[in-house]
N, C-alpha and C. Protein backbone atom coordinates (compact mmCIF):
# COMPACT_ATOMS: atom_id res chain seq x y z
N UNK A 1 -14.37 8.29 6.63
CA UNK A 1 -13.82 7.92 5.62
C UNK A 1 -13.11 9.21 5.06
N UNK A 2 -11.83 10.03 4.85
CA UNK A 2 -11.03 10.50 4.82
C UNK A 2 -10.54 10.97 3.13
N UNK A 3 -10.16 12.11 2.64
CA UNK A 3 -10.03 12.16 1.24
C UNK A 3 -8.97 11.01 1.58
N UNK A 4 -8.26 10.94 0.30
CA UNK A 4 -7.47 10.34 -1.05
C UNK A 4 -7.27 11.01 -2.10
N UNK A 5 -5.67 11.58 -1.59
CA UNK A 5 -5.30 11.98 -2.89
C UNK A 5 -5.06 11.60 -4.17
N UNK A 6 -5.85 10.81 -4.85
CA UNK A 6 -5.22 10.41 -6.31
C UNK A 6 -4.20 11.13 -7.65
N UNK A 7 -3.11 10.82 -7.77
CA UNK A 7 -2.16 10.98 -8.44
C UNK A 7 -2.56 10.51 -9.82
N UNK A 8 -3.24 10.61 -10.68
CA UNK A 8 -3.18 9.08 -11.68
C UNK A 8 -2.49 9.92 -12.80
N UNK A 9 -1.34 9.10 -13.64
CA UNK A 9 -0.94 8.90 -14.47
C UNK A 9 -1.18 7.71 -15.96
N UNK A 10 -0.99 7.87 -16.81
CA UNK A 10 -1.54 6.58 -17.44
C UNK A 10 0.22 6.64 -18.61
N UNK A 11 0.47 5.52 -18.62
CA UNK A 11 1.85 4.78 -19.26
C UNK A 11 1.45 5.63 -20.92
N UNK A 12 2.78 6.31 -21.33
CA UNK A 12 3.08 6.39 -22.75
C UNK A 12 2.61 4.81 -23.71
N UNK A 13 3.51 3.43 -23.27
CA UNK A 13 3.33 2.78 -23.68
C UNK A 13 1.79 2.11 -23.86
N UNK A 14 1.10 2.49 -23.51
CA UNK A 14 -0.54 2.54 -23.74
C UNK A 14 -1.02 2.76 -24.57
N UNK A 15 -1.50 1.78 -25.50
CA UNK A 15 -1.86 2.19 -26.76
C UNK A 15 -3.09 3.33 -26.74
N UNK A 16 -2.81 3.73 -27.61
CA UNK A 16 -3.32 5.19 -27.68
C UNK A 16 -5.49 5.20 -28.03
N UNK A 17 -5.73 4.34 -28.61
CA UNK A 17 -6.68 3.34 -28.37
C UNK A 17 -7.79 2.84 -27.65
N UNK A 18 -6.55 2.57 -26.40
CA UNK A 18 -7.50 1.74 -25.30
C UNK A 18 -8.75 2.58 -25.03
N UNK A 19 -10.50 1.62 -25.04
CA UNK A 19 -10.96 2.40 -24.30
C UNK A 19 -11.10 1.95 -22.69
N UNK A 20 -12.13 2.57 -22.33
CA UNK A 20 -13.12 2.35 -20.83
C UNK A 20 -12.23 2.22 -19.78
N UNK A 21 -11.32 3.48 -19.86
CA UNK A 21 -10.07 3.82 -18.72
C UNK A 21 -10.98 4.90 -18.13
N UNK A 22 -11.24 4.58 -16.70
CA UNK A 22 -11.27 5.27 -16.13
C UNK A 22 -10.76 6.91 -16.03
N UNK A 23 -12.18 8.42 -15.59
CA UNK A 23 -11.04 9.20 -15.56
C UNK A 23 -10.52 9.60 -13.92
N UNK A 24 -9.83 10.53 -14.18
CA UNK A 24 -9.21 10.90 -12.01
C UNK A 24 -10.76 10.84 -11.39
N UNK A 25 -11.47 11.49 -11.63
CA UNK A 25 -12.64 11.56 -10.60
C UNK A 25 -13.16 10.54 -10.00
N UNK A 26 -13.05 9.11 -11.45
CA UNK A 26 -13.92 8.30 -10.56
C UNK A 26 -12.64 7.54 -9.82
N UNK A 27 -11.37 7.54 -10.43
CA UNK A 27 -10.66 6.54 -9.51
C UNK A 27 -10.69 6.48 -8.38
N UNK A 28 -11.14 8.76 -7.70
CA UNK A 28 -10.62 8.86 -6.68
C UNK A 28 -11.63 8.98 -5.78
N UNK A 29 -12.68 8.90 -6.50
CA UNK A 29 -14.45 8.35 -6.06
C UNK A 29 -13.77 6.77 -4.84
N UNK A 30 -13.61 5.74 -6.28
CA UNK A 30 -13.10 4.33 -5.38
C UNK A 30 -11.87 4.28 -4.64
N UNK A 31 -10.90 5.06 -4.32
CA UNK A 31 -9.79 4.87 -3.84
C UNK A 31 -10.12 5.69 -2.78
N UNK A 32 -11.33 6.84 -2.92
CA UNK A 32 -12.14 7.45 -1.19
C UNK A 32 -12.89 6.13 -0.61
N UNK A 33 -13.37 5.71 -0.89
CA UNK A 33 -14.32 4.54 -0.84
C UNK A 33 -14.11 3.20 0.32
N UNK A 34 -12.70 2.92 -0.72
CA UNK A 34 -11.89 1.84 -0.24
C UNK A 34 -11.12 1.84 1.21
N UNK A 35 -10.45 3.57 1.54
CA UNK A 35 -9.89 4.10 2.28
C UNK A 35 -10.68 3.98 3.80
N UNK A 36 -10.19 3.04 4.60
CA UNK A 36 -10.63 2.47 5.40
C UNK A 36 -9.54 3.90 6.78
N UNK A 37 -9.01 4.48 7.04
CA UNK A 37 -8.15 5.13 7.67
C UNK A 37 -8.85 6.57 8.12
N UNK A 38 -8.35 6.76 8.94
CA UNK A 38 -8.56 8.45 9.15
C UNK A 38 -7.98 9.56 8.69
N UNK A 39 -6.52 9.31 8.18
CA UNK A 39 -6.06 9.78 8.20
C UNK A 39 -5.86 10.10 6.59
N UNK A 40 -5.36 11.33 6.46
CA UNK A 40 -5.45 12.09 5.29
C UNK A 40 -3.94 11.11 3.89
N UNK A 41 -4.73 10.99 2.82
CA UNK A 41 -3.45 9.57 2.08
C UNK A 41 -3.26 10.11 1.05
N UNK A 42 -2.18 9.90 0.38
CA UNK A 42 -2.21 10.28 -1.08
C UNK A 42 -1.52 8.93 -1.41
N UNK A 43 -1.82 8.96 -2.67
CA UNK A 43 -1.31 7.66 -3.28
C UNK A 43 -1.17 7.54 -4.92
N UNK A 44 -0.61 6.88 -5.93
CA UNK A 44 -0.57 7.17 -6.96
C UNK A 44 -1.20 6.17 -7.59
N UNK A 45 -1.76 6.37 -9.04
CA UNK A 45 -2.59 5.42 -9.90
C UNK A 45 -1.45 5.90 -10.71
N UNK A 46 -1.02 4.03 -12.04
CA UNK A 46 -0.63 4.20 -12.95
C UNK A 46 -1.23 3.26 -13.71
N UNK A 47 -1.91 3.57 -14.74
CA UNK A 47 -2.71 2.72 -15.84
C UNK A 47 -1.28 2.49 -16.85
N UNK A 48 -1.29 1.61 -17.04
CA UNK A 48 -0.53 0.45 -17.98
C UNK A 48 -0.24 -0.01 -19.00
N UNK A 49 -0.11 -1.10 -19.96
CA UNK A 49 0.48 -1.80 -20.97
C UNK A 49 0.30 -3.07 -20.48
N UNK A 50 0.11 -3.96 -21.37
CA UNK A 50 0.54 -5.40 -21.13
C UNK A 50 1.51 -5.27 -20.73
N UNK A 51 2.65 -5.01 -21.96
CA UNK A 51 4.28 -5.04 -21.69
C UNK A 51 4.76 -4.63 -20.64
N UNK A 52 4.06 -3.30 -20.24
CA UNK A 52 4.49 -2.97 -19.16
C UNK A 52 4.31 -3.48 -17.82
N UNK A 53 3.00 -4.18 -17.42
CA UNK A 53 2.43 -5.06 -16.56
C UNK A 53 3.47 -5.74 -16.03
N UNK A 54 4.25 -7.11 -17.68
CA UNK A 54 3.94 -8.00 -17.59
C UNK A 54 5.64 -7.91 -16.99
N UNK A 55 6.61 -6.70 -16.97
CA UNK A 55 7.83 -6.47 -17.13
C UNK A 55 7.78 -6.57 -15.18
N UNK A 56 6.69 -5.44 -14.81
CA UNK A 56 6.77 -5.21 -13.39
C UNK A 56 6.38 -6.74 -12.37
N UNK A 57 5.49 -7.59 -13.07
CA UNK A 57 5.17 -8.48 -12.35
C UNK A 57 6.28 -9.53 -12.48
N UNK A 58 7.32 -9.46 -13.23
CA UNK A 58 7.87 -10.43 -13.22
C UNK A 58 8.94 -10.03 -12.53
N UNK A 59 9.66 -8.53 -12.43
CA UNK A 59 10.32 -8.34 -11.58
C UNK A 59 9.79 -8.52 -10.19
N UNK A 60 8.82 -8.19 -10.01
CA UNK A 60 8.21 -7.95 -8.10
C UNK A 60 7.42 -9.22 -7.36
N UNK A 61 7.30 -10.17 -8.66
CA UNK A 61 6.32 -11.46 -8.32
C UNK A 61 7.40 -12.21 -9.01
N UNK A 62 7.91 -12.42 -9.67
CA UNK A 62 8.45 -13.44 -10.47
C UNK A 62 7.74 -14.42 -11.33
N UNK A 63 6.51 -13.56 -11.85
CA UNK A 63 5.51 -14.33 -12.57
C UNK A 63 5.60 -13.23 -14.01
N UNK A 64 6.14 -13.86 -15.04
CA UNK A 64 6.60 -12.97 -16.81
C UNK A 64 4.79 -13.41 -17.32
N UNK A 65 4.44 -12.56 -17.20
CA UNK A 65 2.71 -12.48 -17.38
C UNK A 65 2.01 -11.42 -16.85
N UNK A 66 1.49 -10.60 -17.68
CA UNK A 66 0.28 -9.60 -17.06
C UNK A 66 -0.33 -9.47 -16.09
N UNK A 67 -0.92 -8.63 -15.21
CA UNK A 67 -1.81 -9.03 -14.01
C UNK A 67 -3.01 -7.71 -14.07
N UNK A 68 -4.35 -7.61 -13.59
CA UNK A 68 -4.59 -7.10 -13.33
C UNK A 68 -3.79 -5.40 -12.29
N UNK A 69 -3.93 -6.12 -11.40
CA UNK A 69 -3.35 -5.19 -10.76
C UNK A 69 -1.98 -5.39 -9.42
N UNK A 70 -1.84 -4.41 -9.40
CA UNK A 70 -0.01 -4.72 -8.42
C UNK A 70 -0.45 -3.05 -7.13
N UNK A 71 0.19 -3.53 -6.10
CA UNK A 71 0.23 -2.88 -5.03
C UNK A 71 1.37 -2.82 -4.50
N UNK A 72 1.69 -1.40 -4.39
CA UNK A 72 3.30 -1.52 -4.11
C UNK A 72 3.09 -0.20 -2.52
N UNK A 73 2.61 -0.75 -1.46
CA UNK A 73 2.93 0.20 -0.18
C UNK A 73 3.61 0.75 0.86
N UNK A 74 3.68 1.90 1.26
CA UNK A 74 4.58 2.89 1.33
C UNK A 74 5.11 2.54 3.28
N UNK A 75 5.58 3.25 3.74
CA UNK A 75 5.26 2.93 5.13
C UNK A 75 5.93 4.41 5.05
N UNK A 76 4.74 5.64 5.15
CA UNK A 76 5.20 7.24 5.80
C UNK A 76 5.19 7.09 7.49
N UNK A 77 6.28 8.23 7.97
CA UNK A 77 6.92 8.25 9.48
C UNK A 77 5.55 8.84 10.25
N UNK A 78 5.08 8.35 11.54
CA UNK A 78 3.84 8.83 11.94
C UNK A 78 3.94 10.34 12.33
N UNK A 79 5.04 10.92 12.33
CA UNK A 79 4.52 12.69 12.54
C UNK A 79 4.75 13.19 11.21
N UNK A 80 4.17 13.01 10.38
CA UNK A 80 3.42 13.61 9.11
C UNK A 80 1.99 13.12 9.21
N UNK A 81 1.46 14.46 8.84
CA UNK A 81 0.20 14.77 8.34
C UNK A 81 -0.43 13.90 6.97
N UNK A 82 0.34 13.97 5.94
CA UNK A 82 0.04 13.57 4.61
C UNK A 82 0.25 12.42 4.81
N UNK A 83 -0.06 11.18 4.78
CA UNK A 83 0.59 10.04 4.89
C UNK A 83 0.29 9.27 3.31
N UNK A 84 1.77 8.86 2.79
CA UNK A 84 1.52 8.29 1.31
C UNK A 84 1.43 7.02 1.40
N UNK A 85 0.30 6.43 0.83
CA UNK A 85 -0.38 4.43 1.54
C UNK A 85 1.00 4.15 0.19
N UNK A 86 0.61 4.42 -0.78
CA UNK A 86 1.36 3.73 -2.10
C UNK A 86 1.06 3.99 -3.28
N UNK A 87 1.94 2.99 -4.30
CA UNK A 87 1.28 3.57 -5.91
C UNK A 87 -0.20 2.17 -5.87
N UNK A 88 -0.49 2.38 -6.97
CA UNK A 88 -1.03 1.15 -7.31
C UNK A 88 -1.13 1.68 -8.92
N UNK A 89 -0.76 0.07 -9.72
CA UNK A 89 -0.31 0.26 -11.12
C UNK A 89 -1.68 -1.06 -12.08
N UNK A 90 -2.39 -0.33 -12.36
CA UNK A 90 -3.75 -0.92 -13.31
C UNK A 90 -2.99 -0.93 -15.14
N UNK A 91 -3.55 -2.37 -14.60
CA UNK A 91 -2.97 -2.93 -16.94
C UNK A 91 -5.09 -2.90 -17.02
N UNK A 92 -5.21 -1.75 -17.83
CA UNK A 92 -5.83 -1.34 -19.24
C UNK A 92 -6.29 -2.68 -20.16
N UNK A 93 -5.66 -3.21 -20.42
CA UNK A 93 -6.29 -3.93 -22.03
C UNK A 93 -6.41 -5.02 -20.35
N UNK A 94 -5.71 -5.61 -19.72
CA UNK A 94 -5.94 -6.65 -18.94
C UNK A 94 -7.46 -7.12 -18.29
N UNK A 95 -7.61 -5.70 -17.65
CA UNK A 95 -8.82 -5.48 -16.70
C UNK A 95 -10.41 -5.55 -18.02
N UNK A 96 -9.77 -4.43 -19.01
CA UNK A 96 -11.09 -4.91 -19.95
C UNK A 96 -11.62 -5.69 -20.62
N UNK A 97 -10.56 -6.92 -21.15
CA UNK A 97 -10.91 -8.19 -21.10
C UNK A 97 -11.38 -8.99 -20.45
N UNK A 98 -10.69 -8.65 -18.98
CA UNK A 98 -11.56 -10.02 -17.81
C UNK A 98 -13.22 -9.59 -17.66
N UNK A 99 -13.26 -7.80 -17.82
CA UNK A 99 -14.76 -7.32 -17.43
C UNK A 99 -15.10 -8.03 -18.89
N UNK A 100 -14.81 -8.17 -19.53
CA UNK A 100 -15.66 -9.20 -21.40
C UNK A 100 -16.02 -10.79 -20.69
N UNK A 101 -15.10 -10.95 -20.51
CA UNK A 101 -14.81 -12.57 -20.20
C UNK A 101 -16.23 -13.07 -19.00
N UNK A 102 -16.07 -12.31 -18.13
CA UNK A 102 -16.52 -12.39 -17.18
C UNK A 102 -18.19 -11.34 -16.76
N UNK A 103 -18.34 -10.90 -18.39
CA UNK A 103 -19.64 -10.68 -18.69
C UNK A 103 -19.97 -10.02 -17.58
N UNK A 104 -19.28 -8.59 -16.90
CA UNK A 104 -19.33 -7.75 -16.65
C UNK A 104 -18.97 -6.22 -16.69
N UNK A 105 -19.59 -5.14 -16.34
CA UNK A 105 -19.93 -4.01 -16.83
C UNK A 105 -18.35 -3.66 -16.16
N UNK A 106 -17.80 -2.94 -17.58
CA UNK A 106 -16.23 -2.79 -17.36
C UNK A 106 -15.95 -1.33 -16.44
N UNK A 107 -16.68 -0.57 -16.32
CA UNK A 107 -16.61 0.16 -14.78
C UNK A 107 -16.84 -0.53 -13.90
N UNK A 108 -17.17 -1.16 -14.05
CA UNK A 108 -17.80 -1.88 -12.68
C UNK A 108 -16.65 -2.99 -12.09
N UNK A 109 -15.78 -3.95 -13.12
CA UNK A 109 -14.64 -4.10 -13.01
C UNK A 109 -13.14 -3.13 -12.58
N UNK A 110 -13.36 -2.17 -13.02
CA UNK A 110 -12.00 -0.94 -12.70
C UNK A 110 -12.06 -1.37 -11.30
N UNK A 111 -13.50 -0.23 -10.83
CA UNK A 111 -14.29 -0.30 -9.22
C UNK A 111 -13.61 -1.16 -8.58
N UNK A 112 -13.71 -2.19 -8.98
CA UNK A 112 -12.81 -3.57 -8.50
C UNK A 112 -12.11 -3.54 -7.84
N UNK A 113 -11.00 -3.48 -9.01
CA UNK A 113 -9.76 -3.12 -9.18
C UNK A 113 -9.18 -2.17 -8.69
N UNK A 114 -9.35 -1.20 -8.45
CA UNK A 114 -8.83 -0.40 -7.22
C UNK A 114 -8.98 -0.69 -5.64
N UNK A 115 -10.26 -0.80 -5.71
CA UNK A 115 -10.53 -1.33 -4.29
C UNK A 115 -9.70 -2.30 -3.89
N UNK A 116 -10.08 -3.36 -4.54
CA UNK A 116 -8.89 -4.41 -4.30
C UNK A 116 -7.46 -4.23 -4.45
N UNK A 117 -7.16 -3.07 -5.14
CA UNK A 117 -5.86 -3.06 -4.82
C UNK A 117 -5.17 -1.35 -3.58
N UNK A 118 -6.75 -0.32 -3.08
CA UNK A 118 -5.98 0.19 -1.91
C UNK A 118 -6.47 -0.54 -0.74
N UNK A 119 -6.96 -2.25 -0.91
CA UNK A 119 -6.94 -2.72 0.34
C UNK A 119 -5.50 -2.99 0.83
N UNK A 120 -5.14 -3.78 -0.46
CA UNK A 120 -3.66 -4.42 -0.52
C UNK A 120 -2.71 -3.69 0.68
N UNK A 121 -2.95 -1.69 -0.14
CA UNK A 121 -2.07 -1.04 0.06
C UNK A 121 -2.76 -0.97 1.97
N UNK A 122 -3.81 -1.15 1.94
CA UNK A 122 -3.80 -0.68 3.53
C UNK A 122 -3.57 -2.50 4.43
N UNK A 123 -2.91 -3.26 3.66
CA UNK A 123 -2.27 -3.87 4.77
C UNK A 123 -3.57 -5.26 4.71
N UNK A 124 -4.46 -5.48 3.38
CA UNK A 124 -4.99 -7.19 3.74
C UNK A 124 -4.47 -7.51 2.41
N UNK A 125 -4.77 -8.77 2.27
CA UNK A 125 -4.35 -10.08 1.68
C UNK A 125 -5.10 -11.45 1.72
N UNK A 126 -4.96 -12.21 0.70
CA UNK A 126 -5.84 -13.39 0.59
C UNK A 126 -4.70 -14.28 0.62
N UNK A 127 -3.60 -14.44 0.93
CA UNK A 127 -2.89 -15.74 1.07
C UNK A 127 -3.44 -16.73 1.73
N UNK A 128 -4.26 -16.63 2.80
CA UNK A 128 -5.25 -18.21 3.15
C UNK A 128 -7.16 -17.82 2.97
N UNK A 129 -7.09 -18.92 3.46
CA UNK A 129 -8.84 -18.70 3.01
C UNK A 129 -9.30 -17.36 3.93
N UNK A 130 -9.05 -17.83 5.19
CA UNK A 130 -10.04 -16.70 6.44
C UNK A 130 -9.51 -15.16 6.01
N UNK A 131 -8.27 -15.18 5.33
CA UNK A 131 -7.77 -13.48 5.57
C UNK A 131 -8.41 -13.24 3.74
N UNK A 132 -8.80 -14.82 2.54
CA UNK A 132 -9.11 -13.75 1.45
C UNK A 132 -10.95 -14.05 2.18
N UNK A 133 -11.31 -14.75 2.49
CA UNK A 133 -12.93 -14.46 3.13
C UNK A 133 -12.97 -12.68 3.41
N UNK A 134 -12.28 -12.33 4.80
CA UNK A 134 -12.03 -10.54 5.23
C UNK A 134 -12.17 -9.92 4.47
N UNK A 135 -11.28 -10.13 3.67
CA UNK A 135 -11.02 -9.68 2.51
C UNK A 135 -12.38 -8.55 0.74
N UNK A 136 -12.60 -9.94 0.67
CA UNK A 136 -13.59 -10.46 0.32
C UNK A 136 -14.79 -9.74 0.15
N UNK A 137 -15.55 -10.13 1.46
CA UNK A 137 -16.11 -9.23 2.03
C UNK A 137 -16.15 -7.94 2.26
N UNK A 138 -15.04 -7.09 2.78
CA UNK A 138 -14.72 -5.64 2.75
C UNK A 138 -14.74 -5.41 1.41
N UNK A 139 -14.60 -5.59 0.05
CA UNK A 139 -14.79 -5.64 -1.00
C UNK A 139 -16.45 -5.49 -1.92
N UNK A 140 -16.81 -6.43 -1.21
CA UNK A 140 -18.06 -6.61 -1.65
C UNK A 140 -19.27 -5.39 -1.33
N UNK A 141 -18.78 -5.35 0.23
CA UNK A 141 -19.41 -4.01 1.38
C UNK A 141 -19.03 -2.89 0.71
N UNK A 142 -17.96 -2.42 0.16
CA UNK A 142 -17.33 -1.21 -0.39
C UNK A 142 -18.13 -1.14 -2.08
N UNK A 143 -18.18 -2.31 -2.96
CA UNK A 143 -18.24 -1.58 -4.03
C UNK A 143 -20.40 -1.77 -4.13
N UNK A 144 -20.83 -1.85 -2.89
CA UNK A 144 -21.87 -1.89 -2.50
C UNK A 144 -22.31 -0.49 -2.52
N UNK A 145 -21.33 0.08 -1.22
CA UNK A 145 -21.86 1.20 -1.26
C UNK A 145 -21.31 2.14 -2.95
N UNK A 146 -20.62 1.73 -3.82
CA UNK A 146 -20.32 2.20 -4.42
C UNK A 146 -21.79 2.17 -5.65
N UNK A 147 -22.71 1.66 -5.32
CA UNK A 147 -23.63 0.84 -6.30
C UNK A 147 -23.00 0.14 -7.35
N UNK A 148 -21.84 -0.90 -6.98
CA UNK A 148 -21.92 -2.35 -7.75
C UNK A 148 -21.95 -3.41 -7.00
N UNK A 149 -22.91 -4.10 -7.73
CA UNK A 149 -23.04 -5.58 -7.37
C UNK A 149 -21.87 -6.75 -6.96
N UNK A 150 -21.50 -7.59 -6.07
CA UNK A 150 -21.14 -8.29 -5.43
C UNK A 150 -19.66 -9.14 -6.64
N UNK A 151 -19.08 -8.50 -6.97
CA UNK A 151 -17.95 -9.28 -8.15
C UNK A 151 -17.70 -10.85 -7.95
N UNK A 152 -17.29 -11.21 -7.03
CA UNK A 152 -17.27 -12.68 -6.55
C UNK A 152 -18.48 -13.88 -7.26
N UNK A 153 -19.64 -12.94 -7.22
CA UNK A 153 -21.10 -14.05 -7.55
C UNK A 153 -21.33 -13.38 -9.73
N UNK A 154 -20.79 -15.11 -9.28
CA UNK A 154 -20.84 -15.59 -11.15
C UNK A 154 -21.92 -14.82 -12.34
N UNK A 155 -23.09 -14.77 -11.17
CA UNK A 155 -24.00 -14.46 -12.10
C UNK A 155 -24.41 -13.00 -11.81
N UNK A 156 -23.57 -12.16 -11.04
CA UNK A 156 -24.37 -10.69 -10.55
C UNK A 156 -24.60 -9.37 -11.79
N UNK A 157 -23.78 -10.36 -12.92
CA UNK A 157 -24.23 -9.56 -13.84
C UNK A 157 -24.91 -9.79 -15.33
N UNK A 158 -25.03 -11.04 -15.25
CA UNK A 158 -25.81 -11.97 -15.97
C UNK A 158 -27.37 -11.80 -15.99
N UNK A 159 -28.21 -12.01 -17.07
CA UNK A 159 -29.42 -11.79 -17.03
C UNK A 159 -30.41 -11.16 -15.80
């Protein structure tokens, strides 16, 4: 596991009262654990409102609704020491609502979304069953290393 330099920004459009947003140190820890490369990497993490996420999701995926996380991978030249992995955009209201709806600790769901997004930045996807199983297995392993339960077990956080 190599260090990942996380550059965090919070959208001005985000409600000032939005709670349960992880701090940069937590994002850094989760991103580093999800890094499967031996390269020194840098990524930006932007935390946005539902409106901003809806615009991004509509522009880039043709879906006019907010989503929990979007990943924008980048290709760095091979001859540079510091590789730009890409950008993660996380929607605080969606992540927080999903956590409550799924009876999960909010920070566990945030960690899952960061890990999920980081894996996308590294080329993992879930467009077919085999890819989904591989990606989910990695997410489960990484989250367990971080001290979180399997996010795919419905009863993981209940009773």
